Amino acid sequence: MLRRSALLVALATICGLAPVAASAQHLLVPMDESQQNHLKAYGLTYHTLQLGQKAEWLLNYRGGSFLLPDIPDLRKRAAIDGITVEPLDDGGVASVRSEMSGQNMDAVPLEKAPKIAVYSPPNAPPWDDAVTLALKYAGIDYTRVYDDEVERDGLQGYDWVHLHHEDFTGQLNKFAVTYGLTAWFQKLRADNEETAKRYGFADIPALKKDVAEKIRRFVERGGFLFAMCGATETLELAIAGHDVDIANEYADGTPVDPNADAKMDWSRTMAFRDAHLVASPLVGSMSDIDGHQVNAPGQRQPLGQFTLFGFAAKFDPVASMLVQDHVSTIPDFYGVTTSFTRKTLKPGVTVLADEAGAPWVKYIHGDYGKGSWTFLGGHDPEDPQHVVGSAPTDLALHPNSPGYRLILNNVLFPAAKKKPLKT
């Protein structure tokens, strides 16, 4: 019969881990270049919280590593998913903490797995959603919700909500001109019209504005909101234009409300102010919030790269969590809304990443009421030129994607135990 220590060494070898002494009590999940699968490492950490265990997020330490308890369930999952872990005993953990001491690093406790909802239509093709792909690949549980659930105040049971690439102005992303005759677009419009009628709204814009208002209240009451691509911009336009007709329904080529810009109420929005609407239904962009204007003929800006800001982990733990990564500069990627012009940002918005010298930023965050929101421009970090109908990204080919890490930082952010401010 094998001795206990020999058995542990054999088990570690089978699981693909370094040999470990019987006294190991912790698993360090490094998130620097040594990590074989960054994305699934988030799922491992989330699963730890689901088991009722505690974890720690070591901000700015080796790419934002995680410290987990050394239990068989986690070892097994790490081995199956190809996640790099380093067993540590108490002395090893003390050494890590000593290394972090005095540096721009901090350990944030993660206490409870947030309950996650993804706002997305029941039938979302022909476009995919990067957040849904990330959650599925990482093995993080979520529930799909849409207008029915929102209208019935179904967001109240969730901690974190992500918005699929919805057009909350009710213009269906102005796809009618290009895709109006396709079966998927006709079904999308019919489904939305039926939902609007069922809840007593005159049309799709009225329905979507009400949904946007309920999402605003979700954040105001203490919820965490994450959005990408066109949902970032159109949510704010719908909130600011709650009492304005901005649906661009034309009669003889004249907007129904030509003075909509002047009537927008930006006091209620989270991120943006003083934006100008793009009225023509023949121009795909919605406003001048998006700096890249990917769907505005003659105005489309080329892609560059954006750089994550470095924050002081002890003094700015929230911002630090949201930018944890193994690289600081990331290639940019297009979306219906690719970036956010600086001139439209509200005072107090935290810029998490931008492109040097550009009039736009890429990644922003802020508080709103008792909650908070985070917006990331672009559609898919690993598909820079993504167009309607493109095949979904296979994340098995991108397990170390720095862009997808930004998405998953947001998923774990609500699990963090909030520390008292030091300033």
Foldseek 3Di string as FASTA:
>chain_A
DDDPLVVQQVVCVVLVHHRDGPQFWKKKQAFAPVWPFNLLQLLLQLVQQVVQFKKKFKFPQRLTIIMGTDDPVSSNVCSVLVTYIHTDHPVRVVVSVVVCPPHLIDIFMFGHQWAEEEAADPDHPPDDFLLVLSCVSNVHDYHYDYLVCLVVVVCVVGQEYEYGQDQLQQLRLLCCVPCVPPPVVVVVQVVQQVVCVVVPHPGNRLSSLVSLVSVLVCQQVAHEYEYEFNCVVNSQQSPQQVVHNLNLDDDPNDGPDPCSLVSGHNVSGDWWDSWAADRDSQFSAGTVQACQSCRGPPRGDDWDKKFFDDDRCQACVLLSLLQRANDGIATFAAHSRRWGFPVTTDPPKAQGMQDPPDRTGAKIKDHHNNHIYIYGYHGHSVHRDDDRNDDDDDCVVVSRRRVSVSSSSSSSSVSTDDDDHPD
